[in-house]
Amino acid sequence: MAIEGNVVESRQVAAGIPQRSLVTLILFTIYTSGFLNWVEERVCGIEGLIFVENVGLMATGSDVSQVGRKLESCPSEIIDWRE
């Protein structure tokens, strides 16, 4: 690293964010919002919900089998998003 022409050796720094801190929740929400938009755009009738540190998917339909088919299509979309 160089600051104003002075070279300083790099050092390892142990850092992290404590679980359940406000920063963790904000980062989780930012990260998962893209994921939820991805799934909502690809599976009609699916709505993504964020609950503190969890993600939920809600489906609407005219009967149970239709809702089930929509929810069953979500895992393949999630895998596509991850890749």
PDB file of N, CA and C in Angstrom:
ATOM      1  N   MET A   1       0.846  -1.155   0.000  1.00  0.00           N
ATOM      2  CA  MET A   1       0.000   0.000   0.000  1.00  0.00           C
ATOM      3  C   MET A   1       0.898   1.226   0.000  1.00  0.00           C
ATOM      4  N   ALA A   2       0.495   2.241  -0.721  1.00  0.00           N
ATOM      5  CA  ALA A   2       1.272   3.477  -0.774  1.00  0.00           C
ATOM      6  C   ALA A   2       0.365   4.656  -0.464  1.00  0.00           C
ATOM      7  N   ILE A   3       0.794   5.473   0.471  1.00  0.00           N
ATOM      8  CA  ILE A   3       0.054   6.680   0.834  1.00  0.00           C
ATOM      9  C   ILE A   3       0.990   7.864   0.651  1.00  0.00           C
ATOM     10  N   GLU A   4       0.634   8.726  -0.282  1.00  0.00           N
ATOM     11  CA  GLU A   4       1.436   9.907  -0.600  1.00  0.00           C
ATOM     12  C   GLU A   4       2.907   9.539  -0.814  1.00  0.00           C
ATOM     13  N   GLY A   5       3.132   8.467  -1.570  1.00  0.00           N
ATOM     14  CA  GLY A   5       4.482   8.054  -1.903  1.00  0.00           C
ATOM     15  C   GLY A   5       5.181   7.214  -0.855  1.00  0.00           C
ATOM     16  N   ASN A   6       4.635   7.077   0.317  1.00  0.00           N
ATOM     17  CA  ASN A   6       5.213   6.244   1.383  1.00  0.00           C
ATOM     18  C   ASN A   6       4.635   4.843   1.286  1.00  0.00           C
ATOM     19  N   VAL A   7       5.515   3.872   1.113  1.00  0.00           N
ATOM     20  CA  VAL A   7       5.079   2.481   0.977  1.00  0.00           C
ATOM     21  C   VAL A   7       4.992   1.854   2.358  1.00  0.00           C
ATOM     22  N   VAL A   8       3.875   1.228   2.614  1.00  0.00           N
ATOM     23  CA  VAL A   8       3.632   0.566   3.895  1.00  0.00           C
ATOM     24  C   VAL A   8       3.305  -0.887   3.604  1.00  0.00           C
ATOM     25  N   GLU A   9       3.880  -1.793   4.395  1.00  0.00           N
ATOM     26  CA  GLU A   9       3.581  -3.218   4.217  1.00  0.00           C
ATOM     27  C   GLU A   9       2.129  -3.494   4.589  1.00  0.00           C
ATOM     28  N   SER A  10       1.535  -4.407   3.844  1.00  0.00           N
ATOM     29  CA  SER A  10       0.155  -4.777   4.178  1.00  0.00           C
ATOM     30  C   SER A  10       0.157  -5.725   5.370  1.00  0.00           C
ATOM     31  N   ARG A  11      -0.904  -5.673   6.120  1.00  0.00           N
ATOM     32  CA  ARG A  11      -1.075  -6.540   7.293  1.00  0.00           C
ATOM     33  C   ARG A  11      -2.476  -7.131   7.265  1.00  0.00           C
ATOM     34  N   GLN A  12      -2.581  -8.327   7.769  1.00  0.00           N
ATOM     35  CA  GLN A  12      -3.897  -8.946   7.849  1.00  0.00           C
ATOM     36  C   GLN A  12      -4.665  -8.330   9.012  1.00  0.00           C
ATOM     37  N   VAL A  13      -5.932  -8.121   8.764  1.00  0.00           N
ATOM     38  CA  VAL A  13      -6.802  -7.575   9.792  1.00  0.00           C
ATOM     39  C   VAL A  13      -7.990  -8.511   9.937  1.00  0.00           C
ATOM     40  N   ALA A  14      -8.233  -8.932  11.154  1.00  0.00           N
ATOM     41  CA  ALA A  14      -9.412  -9.762  11.413  1.00  0.00           C
ATOM     42  C   ALA A  14     -10.589  -8.827  11.630  1.00  0.00           C
ATOM     43  N   ALA A  15     -11.572  -8.930  10.765  1.00  0.00           N
ATOM     44  CA  ALA A  15     -12.736  -8.061  10.879  1.00  0.00           C
ATOM     45  C   ALA A  15     -13.982  -8.835  10.502  1.00  0.00           C
ATOM     46  N   GLY A  16     -15.075  -8.367  10.963  1.00  0.00           N
ATOM     47  CA  GLY A  16     -16.336  -9.003  10.631  1.00  0.00           C
ATOM     48  C   GLY A  16     -17.479  -8.194  11.192  1.00  0.00           C
ATOM     49  N   ILE A  17     -18.652  -8.647  10.908  1.00  0.00           N
ATOM     50  CA  ILE A  17     -19.846  -7.985  11.403  1.00  0.00           C
ATOM     51  C   ILE A  17     -20.556  -8.969  12.321  1.00  0.00           C
ATOM     52  N   PRO A  18     -20.862  -8.555  13.540  1.00  0.00           N
ATOM     53  CA  PRO A  18     -21.539  -9.466  14.465  1.00  0.00           C
ATOM     54  C   PRO A  18     -22.910  -9.874  13.937  1.00  0.00           C
ATOM     55  N   GLN A  19     -23.234 -11.138  14.139  1.00  0.00           N
ATOM     56  CA  GLN A  19     -24.541 -11.629  13.729  1.00  0.00           C
ATOM     57  C   GLN A  19     -25.617 -10.869  14.496  1.00  0.00           C
ATOM     58  N   ARG A  20     -26.716 -10.581  13.817  1.00  0.00           N
ATOM     59  CA  ARG A  20     -27.865  -9.863  14.367  1.00  0.00           C
ATOM     60  C   ARG A  20     -27.609  -8.375  14.594  1.00  0.00           C
ATOM     61  N   SER A  21     -26.519  -7.850  14.080  1.00  0.00           N
ATOM     62  CA  SER A  21     -26.320  -6.408  14.174  1.00  0.00           C
ATOM     63  C   SER A  21     -27.168  -5.731  13.107  1.00  0.00           C
ATOM     64  N   LEU A  22     -27.410  -4.457  13.258  1.00  0.00           N
ATOM     65  CA  LEU A  22     -28.213  -3.719  12.295  1.00  0.00           C
ATOM     66  C   LEU A  22     -27.579  -3.740  10.910  1.00  0.00           C
ATOM     67  N   VAL A  23     -26.259  -3.660  10.847  1.00  0.00           N
ATOM     68  CA  VAL A  23     -25.559  -3.688   9.559  1.00  0.00           C
ATOM     69  C   VAL A  23     -25.805  -5.017   8.853  1.00  0.00           C
ATOM     70  N   THR A  24     -25.780  -6.105   9.582  1.00  0.00           N
ATOM     71  CA  THR A  24     -26.024  -7.424   9.003  1.00  0.00           C
ATOM     72  C   THR A  24     -27.416  -7.477   8.366  1.00  0.00           C
ATOM     73  N   LEU A  25     -28.406  -6.963   9.061  1.00  0.00           N
ATOM     74  CA  LEU A  25     -29.779  -6.986   8.548  1.00  0.00           C
ATOM     75  C   LEU A  25     -29.911  -6.134   7.286  1.00  0.00           C
ATOM     76  N   ILE A  26     -29.251  -4.985   7.271  1.00  0.00           N
ATOM     77  CA  ILE A  26     -29.306  -4.113   6.096  1.00  0.00           C
ATOM     78  C   ILE A  26     -28.637  -4.789   4.900  1.00  0.00           C
ATOM     79  N   LEU A  27     -27.456  -5.368   5.111  1.00  0.00           N
ATOM     80  CA  LEU A  27     -26.752  -6.047   4.021  1.00  0.00           C
ATOM     81  C   LEU A  27     -27.551  -7.239   3.502  1.00  0.00           C
ATOM     82  N   PHE A  28     -28.168  -7.993   4.396  1.00  0.00           N
ATOM     83  CA  PHE A  28     -28.989  -9.141   3.996  1.00  0.00           C
ATOM     84  C   PHE A  28     -30.153  -8.673   3.126  1.00  0.00           C
ATOM     85  N   THR A  29     -30.796  -7.589   3.526  1.00  0.00           N
ATOM     86  CA  THR A  29     -31.926  -7.061   2.772  1.00  0.00           C
ATOM     87  C   THR A  29     -31.500  -6.588   1.394  1.00  0.00           C
ATOM     88  N   ILE A  30     -30.376  -5.892   1.316  1.00  0.00           N
ATOM     89  CA  ILE A  30     -29.872  -5.426   0.024  1.00  0.00           C
ATOM     90  C   ILE A  30     -29.560  -6.607  -0.889  1.00  0.00           C
ATOM     91  N   TYR A  31     -28.874  -7.612  -0.353  1.00  0.00           N
ATOM     92  CA  TYR A  31     -28.478  -8.781  -1.146  1.00  0.00           C
ATOM     93  C   TYR A  31     -29.696  -9.556  -1.646  1.00  0.00           C
ATOM     94  N   THR A  32     -30.656  -9.791  -0.762  1.00  0.00           N
ATOM     95  CA  THR A  32     -31.795 -10.621  -1.146  1.00  0.00           C
ATOM     96  C   THR A  32     -32.826  -9.880  -1.988  1.00  0.00           C
ATOM     97  N   SER A  33     -32.820  -8.552  -1.985  1.00  0.00           N
ATOM     98  CA  SER A  33     -33.804  -7.834  -2.793  1.00  0.00           C
ATOM     99  C   SER A  33     -33.615  -8.152  -4.279  1.00  0.00           C
ATOM    100  N   GLY A  34     -32.380  -8.280  -4.740  1.00  0.00           N
ATOM    101  CA  GLY A  34     -32.130  -8.671  -6.122  1.00  0.00           C
ATOM    102  C   GLY A  34     -32.621 -10.069  -6.415  1.00  0.00           C
ATOM    103  N   PHE A  35     -32.432 -10.950  -5.472  1.00  0.00           N
ATOM    104  CA  PHE A  35     -32.893 -12.333  -5.599  1.00  0.00           C
ATOM    105  C   PHE A  35     -34.418 -12.376  -5.717  1.00  0.00           C
ATOM    106  N   LEU A  36     -35.102 -11.637  -4.858  1.00  0.00           N
ATOM    107  CA  LEU A  36     -36.563 -11.654  -4.885  1.00  0.00           C
ATOM    108  C   LEU A  36     -37.099 -11.076  -6.184  1.00  0.00           C
ATOM    109  N   ASN A  37     -36.504 -10.002  -6.653  1.00  0.00           N
ATOM    110  CA  ASN A  37     -36.934  -9.426  -7.935  1.00  0.00           C
ATOM    111  C   ASN A  37     -36.748 -10.429  -9.063  1.00  0.00           C
ATOM    112  N   TRP A  38     -35.631 -11.141  -9.044  1.00  0.00           N
ATOM    113  CA  TRP A  38     -35.331 -12.152 -10.066  1.00  0.00           C
ATOM    114  C   TRP A  38     -36.441 -13.204 -10.126  1.00  0.00           C
ATOM    115  N   VAL A  39     -36.796 -13.758  -8.974  1.00  0.00           N
ATOM    116  CA  VAL A  39     -37.810 -14.812  -8.933  1.00  0.00           C
ATOM    117  C   VAL A  39     -39.185 -14.250  -9.312  1.00  0.00           C
ATOM    118  N   GLU A  40     -39.537 -13.066  -8.802  1.00  0.00           N
ATOM    119  CA  GLU A  40     -40.840 -12.477  -9.111  1.00  0.00           C
ATOM    120  C   GLU A  40     -41.012 -12.218 -10.606  1.00  0.00           C
ATOM    121  N   GLU A  41     -39.928 -11.821 -11.288  1.00  0.00           N
ATOM    122  CA  GLU A  41     -40.007 -11.566 -12.725  1.00  0.00           C
ATOM    123  C   GLU A  41     -40.185 -12.847 -13.537  1.00  0.00           C
ATOM    124  N   ARG A  42     -39.713 -13.967 -13.036  1.00  0.00           N
ATOM    125  CA  ARG A  42     -39.712 -15.209 -13.797  1.00  0.00           C
ATOM    126  C   ARG A  42     -40.856 -16.154 -13.459  1.00  0.00           C
ATOM    127  N   VAL A  43     -41.459 -16.002 -12.300  1.00  0.00           N
ATOM    128  CA  VAL A  43     -42.564 -16.877 -11.907  1.00  0.00           C
ATOM    129  C   VAL A  43     -43.777 -15.997 -11.625  1.00  0.00           C
ATOM    130  N   CYS A  44     -44.733 -16.009 -12.526  1.00  0.00           N
ATOM    131  CA  CYS A  44     -45.929 -15.187 -12.396  1.00  0.00           C
ATOM    132  C   CYS A  44     -46.717 -15.609 -11.154  1.00  0.00           C
ATOM    133  N   GLY A  45     -47.139 -14.640 -10.357  1.00  0.00           N
ATOM    134  CA  GLY A  45     -47.943 -14.941  -9.175  1.00  0.00           C
ATOM    135  C   GLY A  45     -47.137 -15.213  -7.927  1.00  0.00           C
ATOM    136  N   ILE A  46     -45.818 -15.016  -7.983  1.00  0.00           N
ATOM    137  CA  ILE A  46     -44.962 -15.210  -6.810  1.00  0.00           C
ATOM    138  C   ILE A  46     -44.575 -13.840  -6.265  1.00  0.00           C
ATOM    139  N   GLU A  47     -44.660 -13.706  -4.942  1.00  0.00           N
ATOM    140  CA  GLU A  47     -44.234 -12.476  -4.289  1.00  0.00           C
ATOM    141  C   GLU A  47     -43.216 -12.821  -3.210  1.00  0.00           C
ATOM    142  N   GLY A  48     -42.105 -12.110  -3.210  1.00  0.00           N
ATOM    143  CA  GLY A  48     -41.067 -12.339  -2.224  1.00  0.00           C
ATOM    144  C   GLY A  48     -41.276 -11.473  -1.000  1.00  0.00           C
ATOM    145  N   LEU A  49     -41.004 -12.041   0.158  1.00  0.00           N
ATOM    146  CA  LEU A  49     -41.148 -11.335   1.422  1.00  0.00           C
ATOM    147  C   LEU A  49     -39.864 -11.477   2.229  1.00  0.00           C
ATOM    148  N   ILE A  50     -39.429 -10.407   2.858  1.00  0.00           N
ATOM    149  CA  ILE A  50     -38.244 -10.454   3.709  1.00  0.00           C
ATOM    150  C   ILE A  50     -38.680 -10.231   5.148  1.00  0.00           C
ATOM    151  N   PHE A  51     -38.316 -11.161   6.030  1.00  0.00           N
ATOM    152  CA  PHE A  51     -38.591 -11.065   7.452  1.00  0.00           C
ATOM    153  C   PHE A  51     -37.264 -11.066   8.201  1.00  0.00           C
ATOM    154  N   VAL A  52     -36.798  -9.942   8.601  1.00  0.00           N
ATOM    155  CA  VAL A  52     -35.553  -9.754   9.339  1.00  0.00           C
ATOM    156  C   VAL A  52     -34.412 -10.523   8.687  1.00  0.00           C
ATOM    157  N   GLU A  53     -34.191 -11.777   9.030  1.00  0.00           N
ATOM    158  CA  GLU A  53     -33.089 -12.555   8.459  1.00  0.00           C
ATOM    159  C   GLU A  53     -33.594 -13.748   7.654  1.00  0.00           C
ATOM    160  N   ASN A  54     -34.815 -13.697   7.193  1.00  0.00           N
ATOM    161  CA  ASN A  54     -35.392 -14.813   6.446  1.00  0.00           C
ATOM    162  C   ASN A  54     -36.084 -14.300   5.193  1.00  0.00           C
ATOM    163  N   VAL A  55     -36.174 -15.169   4.208  1.00  0.00           N
ATOM    164  CA  VAL A  55     -36.858 -14.851   2.965  1.00  0.00           C
ATOM    165  C   VAL A  55     -38.013 -15.821   2.797  1.00  0.00           C
ATOM    166  N   GLY A  56     -39.148 -15.298   2.379  1.00  0.00           N
ATOM    167  CA  GLY A  56     -40.299 -16.150   2.116  1.00  0.00           C
ATOM    168  C   GLY A  56     -40.829 -15.887   0.723  1.00  0.00           C
ATOM    169  N   LEU A  57     -41.455 -16.874   0.150  1.00  0.00           N
ATOM    170  CA  LEU A  57     -42.090 -16.724  -1.157  1.00  0.00           C
ATOM    171  C   LEU A  57     -43.567 -17.034  -0.990  1.00  0.00           C
ATOM    172  N   MET A  58     -44.423 -16.139  -1.480  1.00  0.00           N
ATOM    173  CA  MET A  58     -45.854 -16.322  -1.383  1.00  0.00           C
ATOM    174  C   MET A  58     -46.419 -16.455  -2.793  1.00  0.00           C
ATOM    175  N   ALA A  59     -47.287 -17.419  -2.979  1.00  0.00           N
ATOM    176  CA  ALA A  59     -47.894 -17.646  -4.291  1.00  0.00           C
ATOM    177  C   ALA A  59     -49.398 -17.471  -4.193  1.00  0.00           C
ATOM    178  N   THR A  60     -49.976 -16.959  -5.259  1.00  0.00           N
ATOM    179  CA  THR A  60     -51.427 -16.841  -5.341  1.00  0.00           C
ATOM    180  C   THR A  60     -51.910 -17.657  -6.532  1.00  0.00           C
ATOM    181  N   GLY A  61     -53.117 -18.151  -6.434  1.00  0.00           N
ATOM    182  CA  GLY A  61     -53.676 -18.930  -7.518  1.00  0.00           C
ATOM    183  C   GLY A  61     -55.130 -19.267  -7.259  1.00  0.00           C
ATOM    184  N   SER A  62     -55.746 -19.915  -8.227  1.00  0.00           N
ATOM    185  CA  SER A  62     -57.168 -20.244  -8.113  1.00  0.00           C
ATOM    186  C   SER A  62     -57.420 -21.509  -7.295  1.00  0.00           C
ATOM    187  N   ASP A  63     -56.401 -22.386  -7.161  1.00  0.00           N
ATOM    188  CA  ASP A  63     -56.549 -23.579  -6.335  1.00  0.00           C
ATOM    189  C   ASP A  63     -55.189 -24.018  -5.793  1.00  0.00           C
ATOM    190  N   VAL A  64     -55.220 -24.994  -4.925  1.00  0.00           N
ATOM    191  CA  VAL A  64     -54.006 -25.449  -4.253  1.00  0.00           C
ATOM    192  C   VAL A  64     -52.987 -26.004  -5.229  1.00  0.00           C
ATOM    193  N   SER A  65     -53.423 -26.749  -6.227  1.00  0.00           N
ATOM    194  CA  SER A  65     -52.469 -27.351  -7.166  1.00  0.00           C
ATOM    195  C   SER A  65     -51.764 -26.275  -7.996  1.00  0.00           C
ATOM    196  N   GLN A  66     -52.480 -25.217  -8.371  1.00  0.00           N
ATOM    197  CA  GLN A  66     -51.857 -24.138  -9.121  1.00  0.00           C
ATOM    198  C   GLN A  66     -50.799 -23.419  -8.265  1.00  0.00           C
ATOM    199  N   VAL A  67     -51.122 -23.157  -7.014  1.00  0.00           N
ATOM    200  CA  VAL A  67     -50.163 -22.524  -6.101  1.00  0.00           C
ATOM    201  C   VAL A  67     -48.962 -23.442  -5.899  1.00  0.00           C
ATOM    202  N   GLY A  68     -49.206 -24.729  -5.749  1.00  0.00           N
ATOM    203  CA  GLY A  68     -48.121 -25.695  -5.584  1.00  0.00           C
ATOM    204  C   GLY A  68     -47.182 -25.711  -6.779  1.00  0.00           C
ATOM    205  N   ARG A  69     -47.729 -25.676  -7.989  1.00  0.00           N
ATOM    206  CA  ARG A  69     -46.891 -25.668  -9.200  1.00  0.00           C
ATOM    207  C   ARG A  69     -46.018 -24.414  -9.252  1.00  0.00           C
ATOM    208  N   LYS A  70     -46.583 -23.277  -8.877  1.00  0.00           N
ATOM    209  CA  LYS A  70     -45.802 -22.039  -8.875  1.00  0.00           C
ATOM    210  C   LYS A  70     -44.648 -22.123  -7.888  1.00  0.00           C
ATOM    211  N   LEU A  71     -44.943 -22.606  -6.683  1.00  0.00           N
ATOM    212  CA  LEU A  71     -43.889 -22.707  -5.664  1.00  0.00           C
ATOM    213  C   LEU A  71     -42.840 -23.747  -6.048  1.00  0.00           C
ATOM    214  N   GLU A  72     -43.265 -24.836  -6.709  1.00  0.00           N
ATOM    215  CA  GLU A  72     -42.319 -25.857  -7.145  1.00  0.00           C
ATOM    216  C   GLU A  72     -41.378 -25.349  -8.231  1.00  0.00           C
ATOM    217  N   SER A  73     -41.779 -24.336  -8.986  1.00  0.00           N
ATOM    218  CA  SER A  73     -40.907 -23.798 -10.033  1.00  0.00           C
ATOM    219  C   SER A  73     -39.850 -22.846  -9.479  1.00  0.00           C
ATOM    220  N   CYS A  74     -40.009 -22.400  -8.257  1.00  0.00           N
ATOM    221  CA  CYS A  74     -39.063 -21.450  -7.667  1.00  0.00           C
ATOM    222  C   CYS A  74     -37.644 -21.997  -7.473  1.00  0.00           C
ATOM    223  N   PRO A  75     -37.463 -23.242  -7.002  1.00  0.00           N
ATOM    224  CA  PRO A  75     -36.087 -23.714  -6.804  1.00  0.00           C
ATOM    225  C   PRO A  75     -35.221 -23.650  -8.055  1.00  0.00           C
ATOM    226  N   SER A  76     -35.763 -23.978  -9.218  1.00  0.00           N
ATOM    227  CA  SER A  76     -34.944 -23.916 -10.431  1.00  0.00           C
ATOM    228  C   SER A  76     -34.572 -22.475 -10.758  1.00  0.00           C
ATOM    229  N   GLU A  77     -35.463 -21.524 -10.521  1.00  0.00           N
ATOM    230  CA  GLU A  77     -35.149 -20.112 -10.730  1.00  0.00           C
ATOM    231  C   GLU A  77     -34.087 -19.638  -9.748  1.00  0.00           C
ATOM    232  N   ILE A  78     -34.159 -20.120  -8.520  1.00  0.00           N
ATOM    233  CA  ILE A  78     -33.163 -19.736  -7.496  1.00  0.00           C
ATOM    234  C   ILE A  78     -31.785 -20.254  -7.908  1.00  0.00           C
ATOM    235  N   ILE A  79     -31.718 -21.471  -8.419  1.00  0.00           N
ATOM    236  CA  ILE A  79     -30.437 -22.026  -8.862  1.00  0.00           C
ATOM    237  C   ILE A  79     -29.887 -21.213 -10.020  1.00  0.00           C
ATOM    238  N   ASP A  80     -30.746 -20.821 -10.976  1.00  0.00           N
ATOM    239  CA  ASP A  80     -30.302 -19.991 -12.093  1.00  0.00           C
ATOM    240  C   ASP A  80     -29.754 -18.655 -11.604  1.00  0.00           C
ATOM    241  N   TRP A  81     -30.414 -18.043 -10.622  1.00  0.00           N
ATOM    242  CA  TRP A  81     -29.955 -16.764 -10.073  1.00  0.00           C
ATOM    243  C   TRP A  81     -28.598 -16.886  -9.414  1.00  0.00           C
ATOM    244  N   ARG A  82     -28.414 -17.974  -8.695  1.00  0.00           N
ATOM    245  CA  ARG A  82     -27.151 -18.204  -7.974  1.00  0.00           C
ATOM    246  C   ARG A  82     -25.981 -18.334  -8.935  1.00  0.00           C
ATOM    247  N   GLU A  83     -26.212 -18.911 -10.104  1.00  0.00           N
ATOM    248  CA  GLU A  83     -25.136 -19.127 -11.065  1.00  0.00           C
ATOM    249  C   GLU A  83     -24.958 -17.887 -11.861  1.00  0.00           C
TER     250      GLU A  83
END
